[in-house]
């Protein structure tokens, strides 16, 4: 069974950068789209961005466009989220999640929790002055 482990979170000042990693085990990633989600304090979990098995990218929120990029290294079964120009509103618990998809299918249309089948435990990002 697929297992996901996030890492790379931490404390960062506004305008700074972080790179999050999502390491998969138990399966290769060819049948999964991988998404990153964020849950801010007191808010619902929201999808940010996704990468399909063929490398297609779907942005789920406008606030991340131009600042966040997603990439995958299938040899290492790892997906990365590069976050630049971080803002206070980016604070939250970041999760990676896998959606079972036929090979070469795009990401789910919407960044909804129910569209994803496997989840990591999350890594905390705090943007603070």
Foldseek 3Di string as FASTA:
>chain_A
DKAWAKDWADEAAAQAKIKMKIFIDPDFPQQKKKWKWWDDVPGDIATAKIAHSVGDIDGADPVQPPFWDKDADRVRRMIMIIGGRDDQVRWGWMKMFIAGHHGPDGQPPHGDPVRTDYIYPTDGHGHDD
